[in-house]
Protein backbone atom coordinates (compact mmCIF):
# COMPACT_ATOMS: atom_id res chain seq x y z
CA MET A 1 0.09 0.13 0.01
CA ALA A 2 1.18 3.23 -0.43
CA ASP A 3 1.30 6.11 1.61
CA SER A 4 2.53 9.34 -0.30
CA THR A 5 0.14 11.86 0.10
CA ALA A 6 1.56 13.65 -2.86
CA ASP A 7 -0.94 14.46 -5.47
CA ILE A 8 -3.88 12.18 -3.72
CA ASN A 9 -7.19 14.04 -3.68
CA PRO A 10 -8.43 12.74 -0.40
CA ASP A 11 -11.93 12.87 -2.07
CA ASP A 12 -11.61 10.62 -4.67
CA ASN A 13 -13.74 7.68 -4.01
CA ASN A 14 -14.66 4.37 -6.35
CA ALA A 15 -17.14 3.13 -3.76
CA HIS A 16 -20.01 3.69 -6.83
CA LEU A 17 -18.50 0.65 -8.74
CA VAL A 18 -19.32 -1.33 -6.08
CA TYR A 19 -22.75 -0.14 -4.71
CA ILE A 20 -23.84 0.16 -7.98
CA PRO A 21 -23.80 -3.59 -9.00
CA ALA A 22 -24.34 -4.68 -5.50
CA GLY A 23 -27.55 -2.99 -5.54
CA ILE A 24 -29.14 -4.06 -8.54
CA PHE A 25 -28.28 -7.39 -8.24
CA ALA A 26 -29.66 -7.61 -4.98
CA ILE A 27 -33.10 -7.42 -6.47
CA ILE A 28 -32.46 -8.71 -9.84
CA CYS A 29 -31.08 -12.26 -7.83
CA PRO A 30 -33.73 -12.95 -5.33
CA VAL A 31 -36.66 -12.32 -7.45
CA LEU A 32 -35.39 -14.65 -10.14
CA MET A 33 -34.36 -17.12 -7.74
CA GLY A 34 -37.98 -16.87 -6.49
CA LEU A 35 -39.09 -17.06 -9.69
CA ARG A 36 -37.23 -20.23 -9.82
CA VAL A 37 -38.62 -21.79 -6.90
CA TRP A 38 -42.22 -20.89 -7.89
CA ALA A 39 -41.28 -22.59 -11.44
CA ARG A 40 -39.89 -25.60 -9.97
CA LEU A 41 -43.05 -26.53 -7.11
CA ARG A 42 -45.18 -25.64 -9.83
CA GLY A 43 -43.83 -28.88 -12.09
CA GLY A 44 -42.97 -30.56 -8.90
CA LYS A 45 -40.62 -30.63 -6.35
CA MET A 46 -36.86 -28.86 -5.47
CA GLY A 47 -34.31 -30.90 -6.34
CA ALA A 48 -30.13 -30.81 -5.17
CA ASP A 49 -30.09 -28.38 -8.24
CA ASP A 50 -32.37 -25.97 -6.60
CA TRP A 51 -30.94 -26.16 -3.19
CA THR A 52 -27.45 -25.60 -4.35
CA ALA A 53 -28.64 -22.36 -6.48
CA ILE A 54 -30.03 -21.27 -3.48
CA ALA A 55 -27.09 -21.94 -1.18
CA ALA A 56 -25.00 -19.77 -4.54
CA LEU A 57 -27.29 -17.35 -3.91
CA ILE A 58 -26.78 -16.78 -0.38
CA PHE A 59 -23.20 -16.60 -0.48
CA THR A 60 -23.05 -14.36 -3.41
CA LEU A 61 -25.06 -12.34 -1.41
CA LEU A 62 -22.92 -12.41 1.54
CA THR A 63 -19.73 -11.19 -1.20
CA SER A 64 -21.62 -8.24 -2.41
CA GLY A 65 -21.97 -7.70 1.30
CA PHE A 66 -18.98 -7.87 2.66
CA LEU A 67 -17.40 -5.39 -0.51
CA VAL A 68 -20.33 -2.86 0.55
CA ALA A 69 -18.97 -2.96 4.16
CA SER A 70 -15.58 -2.68 2.50
CA CYS A 71 -16.25 0.21 1.02
CA ARG A 72 -18.19 1.86 4.02
CA HIS A 73 -14.71 1.92 5.68
CA GLY A 74 -12.72 2.73 2.97
CA MET A 75 -12.60 0.26 -0.10
CA GLY A 76 -12.56 2.59 -3.12
CA ARG A 77 -10.89 5.64 -1.43
CA HIS A 78 -6.68 5.91 -1.22
CA TRP A 79 -5.20 4.09 1.40
CA VAL A 80 -3.27 6.64 2.28
CA THR A 81 -6.83 8.51 3.49
CA ILE A 82 -7.86 5.37 5.03
CA LYS A 83 -6.85 6.02 8.94
CA GLY A 84 -6.41 3.72 11.90
CA HIS A 85 -9.35 1.07 12.48
CA ASP A 86 -10.81 1.76 8.89
CA ARG A 87 -7.61 0.45 7.64
CA PHE A 88 -8.35 -2.91 9.51
CA GLU A 89 -12.16 -3.10 8.90
CA THR A 90 -11.11 -2.51 5.03
CA LEU A 91 -9.27 -5.45 5.09
CA LYS A 92 -11.33 -7.53 7.19
CA TYR A 93 -14.50 -7.53 4.86
CA PHE A 94 -12.24 -7.66 1.98
CA PHE A 95 -10.97 -11.05 3.11
CA MET A 96 -14.07 -12.38 4.29
CA ALA A 97 -15.51 -11.46 0.26
CA GLN A 98 -12.54 -13.46 -1.24
CA VAL A 99 -13.69 -16.62 1.02
CA THR A 100 -17.60 -16.23 0.15
CA TYR A 101 -16.61 -15.46 -3.40
CA LYS A 102 -14.88 -18.86 -3.98
CA VAL A 103 -17.61 -20.92 -2.47
CA SER A 104 -20.57 -19.10 -4.33
CA ILE A 105 -18.71 -18.92 -8.06
CA ASN A 106 -18.23 -22.55 -7.35
CA LEU A 107 -21.78 -23.52 -6.04
CA SER A 108 -22.89 -22.06 -9.30
CA LYS A 109 -21.21 -24.72 -11.46
CA CYS A 110 -22.56 -27.99 -9.16
CA CYS A 111 -26.02 -26.01 -9.69
CA ILE A 112 -25.65 -26.44 -13.36
CA LEU A 113 -24.02 -30.12 -13.28
CA LEU A 114 -26.67 -31.26 -10.70
CA LEU A 115 -29.27 -30.06 -13.53
CA TYR A 116 -27.69 -31.94 -15.95
CA LEU A 117 -27.55 -35.11 -13.85
CA ARG A 118 -31.35 -34.78 -13.66
CA LEU A 119 -31.78 -33.84 -17.24
CA PHE A 120 -29.16 -36.47 -19.01
CA HIS A 121 -29.70 -39.57 -16.28
CA ILE A 122 -29.59 -42.18 -18.87
CA VAL A 123 -26.24 -40.67 -21.10
CA ARG A 124 -23.64 -42.55 -19.30
CA TRP A 125 -20.27 -41.10 -20.32
CA LEU A 126 -22.45 -37.32 -19.43
CA ARG A 127 -23.00 -38.63 -15.90
CA TRP A 128 -19.90 -39.72 -15.72
CA SER A 129 -18.42 -36.35 -17.06
CA CYS A 130 -20.88 -34.34 -14.48
CA TRP A 131 -19.54 -36.72 -11.27
CA ALA A 132 -15.48 -36.39 -12.10
CA LEU A 133 -16.44 -32.22 -12.77
CA LEU A 134 -18.82 -32.23 -9.81
CA ALA A 135 -15.84 -33.70 -7.66
CA CYS A 136 -13.08 -31.99 -9.35
CA ILE A 137 -14.85 -28.48 -8.50
CA ALA A 138 -15.30 -29.72 -4.76
CA ILE A 139 -12.30 -30.79 -4.02
CA TYR A 140 -11.14 -27.45 -6.04
CA CYS A 141 -13.16 -25.23 -4.08
CA THR A 142 -12.40 -26.73 -0.49
CA ALA A 143 -8.47 -26.00 -1.64
CA SER A 144 -8.99 -22.53 -2.52
CA VAL A 145 -11.24 -21.88 0.09
CA ALA A 146 -8.12 -22.79 2.52
CA ALA A 147 -5.68 -20.75 0.89
CA SER A 148 -7.66 -17.36 1.24
CA ILE A 149 -8.08 -18.33 5.01
CA PHE A 150 -5.14 -19.12 5.55
CA GLN A 151 -3.19 -16.87 2.99
CA CYS A 152 -0.87 -15.22 5.95
CA HIS A 153 1.03 -16.69 8.91
CA PRO A 154 -0.49 -15.75 11.04
CA VAL A 155 -4.24 -15.52 9.58
CA MET A 156 -4.48 -12.06 11.01
CA ARG A 157 -2.07 -10.34 9.03
CA ALA A 158 -4.08 -10.96 5.95
CA PHE A 159 -6.17 -8.07 7.34
CA ASP A 160 -4.00 -5.98 9.72
CA LYS A 161 -0.06 -5.75 8.55
CA SER A 162 1.27 -4.23 11.44
CA ILE A 163 1.92 -7.90 12.74
CA PRO A 164 4.76 -9.58 11.79
CA GLY A 165 4.69 -12.37 9.74
CA THR A 166 4.79 -13.81 6.17
CA CYS A 167 1.84 -14.26 2.96
CA ILE A 168 1.62 -16.22 -0.04
CA ASP A 169 1.66 -14.43 -3.30
CA MET A 170 -2.21 -14.01 -3.60
CA ALA A 171 -1.52 -12.55 -7.46
CA LYS A 172 -0.67 -16.37 -8.30
CA LEU A 173 -3.47 -17.71 -6.34
CA TRP A 174 -6.10 -15.26 -8.18
CA PHE A 175 -5.26 -15.79 -11.68
CA ALA A 176 -4.76 -19.88 -11.00
CA ASN A 177 -8.76 -19.51 -9.65
CA ALA A 178 -9.31 -17.14 -12.80
CA GLY A 179 -7.81 -20.16 -15.10
CA PHE A 180 -9.62 -23.21 -13.04
CA SER A 181 -13.12 -21.14 -13.27
CA ILE A 182 -12.69 -20.38 -17.17
CA ALA A 183 -11.70 -23.49 -18.04
CA THR A 184 -14.66 -25.57 -16.21
CA ASP A 185 -17.11 -22.95 -17.35
CA VAL A 186 -16.22 -23.62 -20.55
CA ILE A 187 -16.61 -27.46 -20.21
CA ILE A 188 -19.59 -27.07 -18.43
CA LEU A 189 -20.97 -24.90 -21.19
CA LEU A 190 -20.07 -27.52 -24.18
CA LEU A 191 -21.03 -30.92 -22.30
CA PRO A 192 -24.69 -30.97 -23.55
CA MET A 193 -24.07 -29.43 -26.80
CA PRO A 194 -23.33 -32.85 -28.88
CA LEU A 195 -26.45 -34.56 -27.34
CA VAL A 196 -28.56 -32.10 -28.48
CA TRP A 197 -27.69 -31.23 -31.84
CA ARG A 198 -28.07 -35.17 -32.28
CA LEU A 199 -31.39 -34.76 -31.58
CA LYS A 200 -34.43 -35.29 -34.48
CA VAL A 201 -35.75 -32.18 -34.12
CA PRO A 202 -36.38 -29.33 -36.05
CA VAL A 203 -33.09 -26.78 -36.45
CA ALA A 204 -35.08 -23.68 -34.74
CA GLN A 205 -35.80 -26.19 -31.89
CA LYS A 206 -32.28 -27.34 -31.53
CA VAL A 207 -30.89 -23.80 -31.33
CA ALA A 208 -33.49 -22.62 -28.96
CA LEU A 209 -32.67 -25.67 -26.83
CA MET A 210 -28.57 -24.99 -27.17
CA ALA A 211 -29.32 -21.27 -26.30
CA VAL A 212 -31.13 -22.41 -22.93
CA PHE A 213 -28.09 -24.29 -22.10
CA ALA A 214 -25.56 -21.63 -23.30
CA VAL A 215 -26.95 -18.87 -21.20
CA GLY A 216 -23.53 -19.73 -19.04
CA ILE A 217 -21.51 -17.35 -21.71
CA PHE A 218 -22.39 -14.51 -19.97
CA VAL A 219 -20.24 -16.31 -16.67
CA VAL A 220 -17.73 -16.43 -19.23
CA VAL A 221 -17.46 -13.55 -20.82
CA THR A 222 -17.10 -11.80 -16.69
CA SER A 223 -14.59 -14.47 -15.80
CA CYS A 224 -12.56 -13.21 -18.77
CA LEU A 225 -13.19 -8.98 -18.07
CA ARG A 226 -12.48 -10.15 -14.28
CA VAL A 227 -8.96 -11.58 -15.46
CA THR A 228 -7.84 -8.36 -17.43
CA THR A 229 -8.39 -6.29 -14.07
CA LEU A 230 -6.38 -8.94 -11.79
CA ASP A 231 -2.92 -7.74 -12.73
CA VAL A 232 -3.62 -4.20 -12.13
CA PHE A 233 -5.36 -4.87 -8.45
CA ALA A 234 -2.34 -7.14 -7.29
CA LYS A 235 0.24 -4.65 -8.10
CA SER A 236 -1.09 -1.34 -7.64
CA PRO A 237 0.23 0.10 -4.61
CA ASP A 238 -3.15 2.00 -4.17
CA ASN A 239 -5.24 -1.03 -4.68
CA THR A 240 -8.35 0.07 -1.96
CA TYR A 241 -8.69 2.72 -4.82
CA ASN A 242 -8.25 0.91 -8.37
CA ILE A 243 -10.73 -1.26 -7.49
CA ALA A 244 -12.01 -2.41 -10.91
CA ASN A 245 -11.63 -6.27 -9.74
CA VAL A 246 -13.37 -5.95 -6.97
CA MET A 247 -16.50 -4.66 -8.90
CA TRP A 248 -16.12 -7.86 -11.21
CA THR A 249 -16.06 -10.05 -8.11
CA ILE A 250 -19.39 -8.36 -7.82
CA VAL A 251 -20.80 -9.12 -10.64
CA GLU A 252 -19.12 -12.59 -11.37
CA PRO A 253 -20.87 -14.80 -9.23
CA ASN A 254 -24.07 -12.99 -9.52
CA VAL A 255 -23.99 -13.32 -13.34
CA ALA A 256 -23.09 -16.94 -12.44
CA VAL A 257 -26.58 -17.03 -10.53
CA VAL A 258 -28.69 -15.49 -12.90
CA CYS A 259 -27.47 -17.94 -15.65
CA ALA A 260 -28.48 -20.89 -13.25
CA CYS A 261 -32.02 -19.53 -13.26
CA LEU A 262 -32.75 -18.41 -16.33
CA PRO A 263 -33.29 -22.13 -17.86
CA ILE A 264 -35.95 -22.59 -15.40
CA LEU A 265 -38.14 -19.86 -15.81
CA ARG A 266 -39.64 -20.26 -19.32
CA PRO A 267 -43.51 -20.85 -17.81
CA PHE A 268 -43.04 -17.39 -16.00
CA VAL A 269 -42.35 -15.89 -19.63
CA VAL A 270 -45.15 -18.51 -21.20
CA LYS A 271 -47.43 -16.91 -18.70
CA LEU A 272 -46.58 -13.72 -19.35
CA PHE A 273 -46.94 -14.03 -23.28
CA PRO A 274 -48.63 -17.07 -24.02
CA SER A 275 -48.27 -17.25 -27.58
CA LEU A 276 -44.75 -18.31 -27.17
CA ARG A 277 -45.99 -21.84 -25.77
CA SER A 278 -43.85 -24.61 -27.92
CA LYS A 279 -46.59 -26.90 -30.16
CA GLY A 280 -45.62 -30.37 -31.10
CA TYR A 281 -42.60 -32.51 -30.94
CA THR A 282 -43.07 -34.51 -28.00
CA ASN A 283 -39.43 -36.00 -27.80
CA THR A 284 -38.44 -39.43 -25.42
CA TYR A 285 -34.54 -39.21 -25.39
CA GLY A 286 -32.81 -42.61 -25.57
CA ALA A 287 -35.81 -44.64 -25.77
CA PRO A 288 -35.01 -48.36 -26.88
CA GLY A 289 -35.64 -49.06 -30.82
CA GLY A 290 -36.07 -46.37 -33.35
CA GLY A 291 -38.12 -43.42 -33.68
CA THR A 292 -41.76 -43.93 -33.67
CA GLY A 293 -45.02 -41.85 -33.50
CA LYS A 294 -48.54 -42.69 -31.25
CA SER A 295 -51.42 -40.92 -30.93
CA ARG A 296 -53.87 -41.69 -27.86
CA ALA A 297 -57.29 -40.43 -26.57
CA THR A 298 -57.63 -39.20 -23.01
CA THR A 299 -60.05 -37.71 -20.79
CA GLY A 300 -59.39 -34.06 -19.97
CA SER A 301 -58.90 -35.20 -16.29
CA GLN A 302 -56.79 -38.45 -16.94
CA SER A 303 -53.09 -39.13 -15.63
CA ARG A 304 -50.18 -39.30 -18.06
CA GLY A 305 -48.75 -42.18 -16.43
CA GLY A 306 -47.89 -40.73 -13.34
CA ARG A 307 -44.96 -38.10 -14.30
CA ASP A 308 -44.73 -34.62 -15.35
CA TRP A 309 -44.09 -33.08 -18.55
CA VAL A 310 -40.82 -30.72 -18.73
CA GLU A 311 -39.97 -28.42 -21.69
CA LEU A 312 -36.26 -26.96 -22.83
CA GLY A 313 -36.37 -24.17 -25.38
CA GLY A 314 -39.29 -25.22 -27.06
CA VAL A 315 -38.62 -29.20 -26.95
CA LYS A 316 -41.38 -31.11 -24.95
CA SER A 317 -40.64 -34.25 -23.38
CA GLN A 318 -42.13 -37.28 -21.61
CA GLY A 319 -40.20 -39.90 -19.41
CA VAL A 320 -36.63 -40.89 -19.29
CA HIS A 321 -34.70 -38.78 -22.04
CA LEU A 322 -33.06 -35.76 -23.13
CA ALA A 323 -35.00 -32.54 -21.56
CA THR A 324 -37.28 -33.82 -19.09
CA ILE A 325 -37.27 -35.16 -15.56
CA GLN A 326 -38.96 -38.43 -14.55
CA ARG A 327 -40.45 -38.05 -10.76
CA PRO A 328 -44.14 -39.00 -9.63
CA SER A 329 -46.16 -36.46 -10.33
CA SER A 330 -47.65 -34.30 -7.45
CA ASN A 331 -50.93 -33.45 -9.36
CA THR A 332 -52.48 -36.75 -10.72
CA GLY A 333 -54.13 -35.89 -13.93
CA SER A 334 -51.73 -32.55 -14.70
CA GLU A 335 -49.82 -31.89 -17.77
CA GLU A 336 -47.39 -29.24 -16.23
CA SER A 337 -44.09 -28.06 -17.36
CA ILE A 338 -41.28 -27.19 -15.30
CA LEU A 339 -39.79 -24.71 -17.93
CA ALA A 340 -42.90 -24.26 -19.72
CA GLY A 341 -46.01 -23.53 -17.68
CA ASN A 342 -48.65 -26.01 -19.73
CA LYS A 343 -50.97 -26.34 -17.06
CA ALA A 344 -54.38 -26.48 -18.10
CA PRO A 345 -56.74 -23.42 -16.86
CA LYS A 346 -59.04 -24.54 -13.89
CA ASP A 347 -61.95 -23.52 -15.44
CA ALA A 348 -61.38 -25.34 -18.66
CA ALA A 349 -64.05 -27.51 -20.08
CA PRO A 350 -63.69 -31.46 -19.71
CA GLY A 351 -63.67 -33.38 -22.15
CA ILE A 352 -61.31 -35.55 -25.36
CA GLN A 353 -57.82 -34.86 -25.86
CA LYS A 354 -55.96 -36.15 -28.90
CA THR A 355 -52.03 -36.57 -28.01
CA VAL A 356 -49.99 -37.24 -31.09
CA GLU A 357 -46.55 -38.55 -29.49
CA TYR A 358 -43.55 -38.80 -31.18
CA SER A 359 -40.22 -40.97 -29.65
CA ILE A 360 -36.87 -39.89 -30.76
CA GLN A 361 -33.76 -42.35 -30.25
CA TYR A 362 -30.83 -41.05 -29.51
CA SER A 363 -27.99 -43.27 -30.78
CA LYS A 364 -24.37 -43.37 -31.15
CA GLU A 365 -23.53 -43.29 -34.57
């Protein structure tokens, strides 16, 4: 930290770089998470991916809160203008944010992988890939959190530089963390694409479904933007003032939470805009035998074999397949979509429905 007061304006303050994104995402993320929970409960029940998403949101909000508290004590101002106990408090809250940031960003990755495990539960190679990635992320998260907590010896030297001791090179840790984060984000982003592309549905529906899984590209972009600020923050003699990196530390995990929620929010969009409801192409993924088509007539109150219907990116499915979740239905006689919102209105007149179903076989070529 620089202690020279030459050419320093004591009124300079970059805290708005933290306050603005923290305030915006403090509204957006909880709202989207609430809508995600609503969509899940409307279609069935909460799963491991949903609880992981909620945990990611909690740690993300803690990260934002710690950095806002750090700004209240001096983060955003020149180091030489921060006096006495405020220096201790500034670095203490920043230290705590480093820990919660690593937990939140890795929980968001786990959330997406757990969603894949629900959707692609009969594709063996993808299941093994998801479990391997989950293990790697869990191990790395534990190691990076431990490295952040014990970055200095004694630990308190991390936020009280008057205490004698030693610290690791934090710049190397930050770059290593960024590299792991970007690499795993890209792998998670690309993992389901081959399966989606080989679906025997119209190209427009393939693109729509791929777009559902590709929202994670925004996390990759924010991670890359954060990397460009790491070197400046690590080497700056006045890094309580040059806090572009701190801003991206708020933006990145919040964007990850947003991207984890977006694929589940199709019912809300369809409820607002019914014209977006998908039509046709009921797709079964991985069923034995070749692709078949069949029709059946059912009464308006008849249960569909005790299973909920799910829709991703305009591709509607039932059973054990690419874009659906097989589980006992909580509402007998319902056709509900986790992502599409296909529940019939309560005042609909009972009658005969003719449902045309198409089974699409996924095969290795």
